[in-house]
Structure formats: C-alpha cells, structure tokens
Protein backbone atom coordinates (compact mmCIF):
# COMPACT_ATOMS: atom_id res chain seq x y z
CA UNK A 1 4.53 34.99 -3.91
CA UNK A 2 0.90 33.60 -4.33
CA UNK A 3 0.35 30.03 -3.90
CA UNK A 4 -2.67 27.55 -3.91
CA UNK A 5 -2.83 24.30 -1.92
CA UNK A 6 -5.02 21.55 -3.28
CA UNK A 7 -5.57 17.81 -2.51
CA UNK A 8 -6.79 14.85 -4.37
CA UNK A 9 -7.89 11.82 -2.21
CA UNK A 10 -5.30 13.15 0.52
CA UNK A 11 -2.33 13.68 -1.82
CA UNK A 12 -1.70 17.26 -1.18
CA UNK A 13 0.32 19.83 -3.31
CA UNK A 14 1.38 23.49 -3.35
CA UNK A 15 0.76 25.14 -6.71
CA UNK A 16 2.75 28.26 -7.89
CA UNK A 17 2.09 30.17 -11.02
CA UNK A 18 5.83 30.63 -12.17
CA UNK A 19 4.97 32.39 -15.56
CA UNK A 20 4.20 35.41 -12.85
CA UNK A 21 6.55 34.45 -10.01
CA UNK A 22 9.61 33.82 -12.27
CA UNK A 23 11.37 31.75 -9.73
CA UNK A 24 14.78 30.48 -11.34
CA UNK A 25 14.28 26.78 -12.23
CA UNK A 26 17.52 25.86 -10.28
CA UNK A 27 15.93 27.26 -7.22
CA UNK A 28 12.67 25.35 -7.47
CA UNK A 29 13.95 22.10 -5.92
CA UNK A 30 15.07 23.97 -2.72
CA UNK A 31 11.73 25.86 -2.73
CA UNK A 32 9.93 22.70 -2.66
CA UNK A 33 11.82 21.09 0.15
CA UNK A 34 11.23 24.10 2.33
CA UNK A 35 7.55 24.89 1.39
CA UNK A 36 6.46 21.22 1.78
CA UNK A 37 7.98 20.83 5.30
CA UNK A 38 4.82 20.27 7.47
CA UNK A 39 6.41 21.78 10.69
CA UNK A 40 8.38 24.75 9.25
CA UNK A 41 6.22 25.84 6.27
CA UNK A 42 2.95 25.30 4.44
CA UNK A 43 3.38 21.42 4.23
CA UNK A 44 2.61 19.19 1.25
CA UNK A 45 3.56 16.05 -0.54
CA UNK A 46 4.90 17.98 -3.39
CA UNK A 47 5.29 21.24 -5.37
CA UNK A 48 3.49 21.85 -8.59
CA UNK A 49 4.96 24.63 -10.83
CA UNK A 50 3.08 26.10 -13.69
CA UNK A 51 5.15 27.42 -16.40
CA UNK A 52 4.86 28.60 -19.99
CA UNK A 53 4.13 25.69 -22.67
CA UNK A 54 6.69 24.68 -25.22
CA UNK A 55 5.34 21.83 -27.14
CA UNK A 56 1.79 23.34 -28.04
CA UNK A 57 0.05 22.50 -24.59
CA UNK A 58 -2.14 24.89 -22.49
CA UNK A 59 0.78 25.07 -19.92
CA UNK A 60 3.76 23.20 -18.62
CA UNK A 61 3.81 21.35 -15.31
CA UNK A 62 7.23 20.88 -13.22
CA UNK A 63 6.63 18.52 -10.24
CA UNK A 64 8.90 18.20 -7.21
CA UNK A 65 8.77 15.93 -4.39
CA UNK A 66 8.59 17.04 -0.73
CA UNK A 67 12.45 16.20 -0.43
CA UNK A 68 13.19 18.61 -3.32
CA UNK A 69 13.82 15.96 -5.91
CA UNK A 70 12.40 16.36 -9.38
CA UNK A 71 9.46 14.10 -10.41
CA UNK A 72 8.66 13.03 -13.86
CA UNK A 73 4.97 13.42 -13.42
CA UNK A 74 2.27 12.98 -10.66
CA UNK A 75 -1.30 11.60 -11.47
CA UNK A 76 -3.22 13.18 -8.51
CA UNK A 77 -1.10 16.29 -8.94
CA UNK A 78 -2.12 16.39 -12.57
CA UNK A 79 -5.80 16.25 -11.84
CA UNK A 80 -5.42 19.17 -9.30
CA UNK A 81 -3.34 21.12 -11.73
CA UNK A 82 -5.94 20.34 -14.45
CA UNK A 83 -8.57 22.25 -12.22
CA UNK A 84 -6.19 24.92 -11.36
CA UNK A 85 -5.47 25.45 -15.08
CA UNK A 86 -9.29 25.64 -15.82
CA UNK A 87 -10.17 27.92 -12.94
CA UNK A 88 -7.30 30.45 -13.57
CA UNK A 89 -7.89 30.63 -17.32
CA UNK A 90 -4.90 28.62 -18.68
CA UNK A 91 -7.28 26.01 -20.32
CA UNK A 92 -10.81 25.19 -21.00
CA UNK A 93 -12.76 21.92 -20.18
CA UNK A 94 -9.96 19.88 -21.83
CA UNK A 95 -6.44 20.71 -20.45
CA UNK A 96 -3.34 19.79 -22.31
CA UNK A 97 -0.54 19.68 -19.72
CA UNK A 98 3.19 19.30 -20.87
CA UNK A 99 5.25 17.17 -18.50
CA UNK A 100 8.69 15.82 -18.68
CA UNK A 101 7.08 12.22 -19.15
CA UNK A 102 4.89 13.57 -21.92
CA UNK A 103 1.63 15.22 -22.54
CA UNK A 104 -0.93 14.64 -19.97
CA UNK A 105 -4.73 15.35 -21.08
CA UNK A 106 -7.10 16.61 -18.30
CA UNK A 107 -10.98 16.38 -18.42
CA UNK A 108 -13.29 18.54 -16.41
CA UNK A 109 -16.15 16.17 -15.27
CA UNK A 110 -17.77 18.53 -12.62
CA UNK A 111 -16.67 21.48 -10.46
CA UNK A 112 -14.42 19.11 -8.35
CA UNK A 113 -14.18 15.89 -10.37
CA UNK A 114 -11.36 15.71 -12.90
CA UNK A 115 -10.16 12.83 -15.17
CA UNK A 116 -6.56 12.61 -16.62
CA UNK A 117 -5.19 10.45 -19.34
CA UNK A 118 -2.02 9.18 -17.80
CA UNK A 119 1.34 8.67 -19.77
CA UNK A 120 1.59 5.41 -21.54
CA UNK A 121 3.66 2.45 -20.27
CA UNK A 122 7.26 2.68 -21.52
CA UNK A 123 8.90 -0.21 -19.54
CA UNK A 124 7.12 -3.37 -18.36
CA UNK A 125 9.05 -6.27 -16.41
CA UNK A 126 8.15 -9.14 -14.14
CA UNK A 127 10.69 -10.04 -11.39
CA UNK A 128 11.31 -11.52 -7.89
CA UNK A 129 12.93 -9.13 -5.40
CA UNK A 130 14.57 -10.01 -2.11
CA UNK A 131 13.56 -7.83 0.88
CA UNK A 132 13.27 -8.04 4.48
CA UNK A 133 14.22 -11.79 4.37
CA UNK A 134 11.69 -12.87 1.77
CA UNK A 135 11.23 -12.79 -1.95
CA UNK A 136 8.33 -10.77 -3.41
CA UNK A 137 7.02 -10.92 -7.01
CA UNK A 138 6.85 -7.53 -8.44
CA UNK A 139 5.45 -6.14 -11.66
CA UNK A 140 7.66 -3.17 -12.57
CA UNK A 141 6.21 -0.46 -14.90
CA UNK A 142 7.36 2.76 -15.84
CA UNK A 143 4.61 5.36 -17.19
CA UNK A 144 5.80 7.95 -19.49
CA UNK A 145 9.33 8.53 -21.13
CA UNK A 146 11.34 9.15 -18.95
CA UNK A 147 9.05 7.09 -16.90
CA UNK A 148 7.73 7.19 -13.43
CA UNK A 149 8.67 3.96 -11.79
CA UNK A 150 6.20 1.71 -10.04
CA UNK A 151 6.58 -1.75 -8.37
CA UNK A 152 3.26 -3.41 -8.04
CA UNK A 153 3.12 -6.13 -5.31
CA UNK A 154 0.11 -8.27 -4.19
CA UNK A 155 -0.12 -8.26 -0.41
CA UNK A 156 -3.04 -10.47 0.94
CA UNK A 157 -4.52 -9.25 4.07
CA UNK A 158 -3.36 -5.72 3.34
CA UNK A 159 -5.97 -4.12 5.64
CA UNK A 160 -4.88 -6.02 8.66
CA UNK A 161 -1.18 -5.75 8.13
CA UNK A 162 0.96 -3.96 10.75
CA UNK A 163 1.88 -0.67 9.12
CA UNK A 164 5.29 -0.43 10.55
CA UNK A 165 6.24 -3.92 9.03
CA UNK A 166 4.70 -2.81 5.77
CA UNK A 167 6.67 0.51 5.93
CA UNK A 168 9.99 -1.36 6.33
CA UNK A 169 9.08 -3.56 3.39
CA UNK A 170 8.10 -0.53 1.35
CA UNK A 171 11.34 1.15 2.25
CA UNK A 172 13.59 -1.93 1.31
CA UNK A 173 11.86 -2.48 -2.01
CA UNK A 174 11.85 1.26 -3.07
CA UNK A 175 15.60 1.15 -2.89
CA UNK A 176 16.24 -2.39 -4.23
CA UNK A 177 18.96 -2.79 -6.68
CA UNK A 178 16.74 -4.30 -9.37
CA UNK A 179 15.15 -0.67 -9.66
CA UNK A 180 17.91 1.49 -10.77
CA UNK A 181 15.77 4.66 -10.63
CA UNK A 182 14.19 3.64 -7.31
CA UNK A 183 10.48 2.82 -7.42
CA UNK A 184 7.13 3.79 -5.88
CA UNK A 185 5.99 0.56 -4.14
CA UNK A 186 2.20 -0.27 -4.77
CA UNK A 187 0.91 -2.94 -2.46
CA UNK A 188 -2.56 -4.10 -3.58
CA UNK A 189 -5.12 -6.63 -2.61
CA UNK A 190 -8.47 -7.48 -4.83
CA UNK A 191 -11.22 -6.96 -2.33
CA UNK A 192 -14.28 -7.34 -4.88
CA UNK A 193 -15.36 -7.39 -8.31
CA UNK A 194 -13.51 -4.72 -9.97
CA UNK A 195 -12.54 -3.32 -6.74
CA UNK A 196 -8.95 -2.96 -5.43
CA UNK A 197 -7.25 -1.81 -2.13
CA UNK A 198 -4.00 0.08 -2.64
CA UNK A 199 -1.41 1.73 -0.39
CA UNK A 200 1.87 3.19 -1.76
CA UNK A 201 5.29 3.83 -0.32
CA UNK A 202 6.44 6.76 -2.44
CA UNK A 203 9.87 7.76 -3.68
CA UNK A 204 10.62 11.34 -2.90
CA UNK A 205 7.97 11.36 0.08
CA UNK A 206 9.97 8.36 1.55
CA UNK A 207 6.79 7.12 3.34
CA UNK A 208 3.35 6.07 2.66
CA UNK A 209 1.14 8.62 1.18
CA UNK A 210 -2.68 8.81 1.39
CA UNK A 211 -2.97 8.34 -2.40
CA UNK A 212 -0.78 7.83 -5.44
CA UNK A 213 -2.59 8.50 -8.80
CA UNK A 214 0.09 6.89 -11.29
CA UNK A 215 0.48 3.94 -8.79
CA UNK A 216 -3.34 3.07 -9.01
CA UNK A 217 -3.02 3.35 -12.88
CA UNK A 218 -0.08 0.88 -12.59
CA UNK A 219 -1.89 -1.49 -10.49
CA UNK A 220 -4.96 -1.63 -12.58
CA UNK A 221 -2.97 -2.02 -15.68
CA UNK A 222 -1.23 -5.14 -14.30
CA UNK A 223 -4.44 -6.57 -13.06
CA UNK A 224 -6.30 -6.01 -16.48
CA UNK A 225 -3.21 -7.68 -18.27
CA UNK A 226 -3.56 -10.71 -15.83
CA UNK A 227 -7.34 -10.90 -16.52
CA UNK A 228 -8.21 -10.07 -12.87
CA UNK A 229 -10.12 -6.83 -13.44
CA UNK A 230 -12.24 -5.60 -16.53
CA UNK A 231 -10.27 -2.42 -16.78
CA UNK A 232 -13.52 -0.29 -17.04
CA UNK A 233 -13.78 2.21 -14.27
CA UNK A 234 -12.16 -0.07 -11.54
CA UNK A 235 -12.63 1.37 -8.12
CA UNK A 236 -9.38 1.76 -6.23
CA UNK A 237 -9.63 2.32 -2.62
CA UNK A 238 -6.72 4.24 -1.08
CA UNK A 239 -6.11 5.59 2.40
CA UNK A 240 -7.37 9.06 1.26
CA UNK A 241 -10.47 8.00 -0.48
CA UNK A 242 -11.52 6.51 -3.82
CA UNK A 243 -10.10 6.73 -7.18
CA UNK A 244 -11.31 5.20 -10.57
CA UNK A 245 -9.12 3.69 -13.31
CA UNK A 246 -9.97 2.86 -16.83
CA UNK A 247 -7.39 1.01 -19.08
CA UNK A 248 -8.42 0.43 -22.67
CA UNK A 249 -6.97 0.79 -26.14
CA UNK A 250 -7.16 4.60 -25.79
CA UNK A 251 -4.86 4.75 -22.71
CA UNK A 252 -4.98 4.79 -18.81
CA UNK A 253 -7.36 7.19 -17.50
CA UNK A 254 -7.52 8.29 -13.65
CA UNK A 255 -10.62 9.90 -12.28
CA UNK A 256 -11.14 11.35 -8.69
CA UNK A 257 -11.99 14.39 -6.63
CA UNK A 258 -9.92 17.55 -6.21
CA UNK A 259 -10.19 20.05 -3.48
CA UNK A 260 -8.96 23.73 -3.13
CA UNK A 261 -7.75 23.96 0.43
CA UNK A 262 -6.14 27.46 0.72
CA UNK A 263 -4.92 30.33 -1.30
CA UNK A 264 -2.35 32.86 0.06
CA UNK A 265 1.02 34.50 0.00
CA UNK A 266 4.43 33.13 1.07
CA UNK A 267 7.62 35.06 1.94
CA UNK A 268 10.09 33.56 -0.78
CA UNK A 269 12.76 35.94 0.48
CA UNK A 270 12.86 34.18 3.93
CA UNK A 271 12.65 30.82 2.33
CA UNK A 272 15.36 31.10 -0.39
C-alpha cells in the first residue's frame, strides 16, 4: 500500500488513498495503531484516510489517532490533507473536505502554506475543574457536530513550568468527569500583543504533541470572546513552530506550514 507522511508544525500524519487501497473501514483503527507506532512502524500522531466524497465535497477525510481511536477532525491534519488533495488531483486551489464533524474548506496560500476553515463551535461552557489537588478554570469548547472537545486553561509561566508536572495535570484534566467525551487540554499564556503560547495534551495521543490545530483555534476563540486578542491573524507559538488563527463572523481560520516528509510503500499483509 502506498503512503505519504506529512507534518504541520510538528504534528505528523500518515496519509493513505483508500479510494485505491480499499482497506475495510473496520480495519482502519487497527491499521492506524500499528502504522503510528514509532518503534515498530512508520510512526505518526495519526492516520489520515482519503475516501470518496458523499456530500458534494472533493474527498472525504477519516482521521484516526495514534492509539487507533477515531477522531472527529484534526486541524493540522486537514491542512496537510488539503495539500495532499491539491497535489494529487483531488481538488483545486480550494479544497472541500468532508469530515464527520462537518465540511472543512482548505485554501492553498503557497506551495507549503495552507489555510483551513475549521468547524464552527457547537458547544461552549465555562467551568471549574478539580485536578492534582487544585481547581482550574476551564473554557470548554467543541468544534463541529459531533464536536472535537477542547479544554482551554490559562497557565501563567507556561514556558518555565516543569513538563512532568504539566503532563500529570494534562492527563488528569483530559479524563476529568466534567468532560464526558474526554478533552484535548490546551494550556496557554498570552506573551504579547496578539501573540499566544500554547501546548496541548492530546486525547488519543495521550501525551503532549508538538502542535494541535483545532486547539489553537479553540484558544483564540476563547481569548477573542474575552477581549484579550483581536482575532485577526493571531500568532500562536506551539512547540513545533507558529500557527496563525483568525476568528471573525465568517468562521475560525487556521493557517500554517505543511511539509511532505516521505512517500513509500508499507506491507499491510504483515500489519493486518
């Protein structure tokens, strides 16, 4: 089976064209878990599967986390998939990508730079959550319907914080009872005018990732609502680089770089 490996600000993905590969849907979770294992296979944060469109899009995206669980959508993955769709003839300069969370629209900015309109906010709550012996104020958002769950938590001194302590907190909040679907936990700190630092403990990866696209969209959405950022091309510094988020009456837009890392073949008979 042919595959492409791509990354966007350190969020890396294996992409397969299932229109040609024809892997049964019930096998895709198992395939994701095996392909994404960094010591025994290619290794990635998730598997992106291209399938035939159903609702008038250019193609359908199925997303699976590294643990094999199905994900509603992935922002950085969608940016990478938009480039894959353009470069492989599935779409033109504008890409309409069907996801379980709703239609995602991609825009080619340059050879490597892609912008996507993320799914709209479907759930929005504010709550205090107890974890690791303290209470933390969380803004909870779901993007899309069914939605991608995000807990947005301010963390002053984020850069200097001990990563092991922060990992323990992320793990506790990710599974807090207040979040019935679990949550991607976005820790943020405002570091300048329209400039935010963000690190995400991701559901499905069950650890920090170098970047989370929908998470940065959730953070900027919350901060714009609170009047703390303009919402216009806000720079978000993630461990894997920089993303830019715009939140306006037309939606939530995520812009950033993409990179094709490798193309090759994988032996699915051995894996499955």
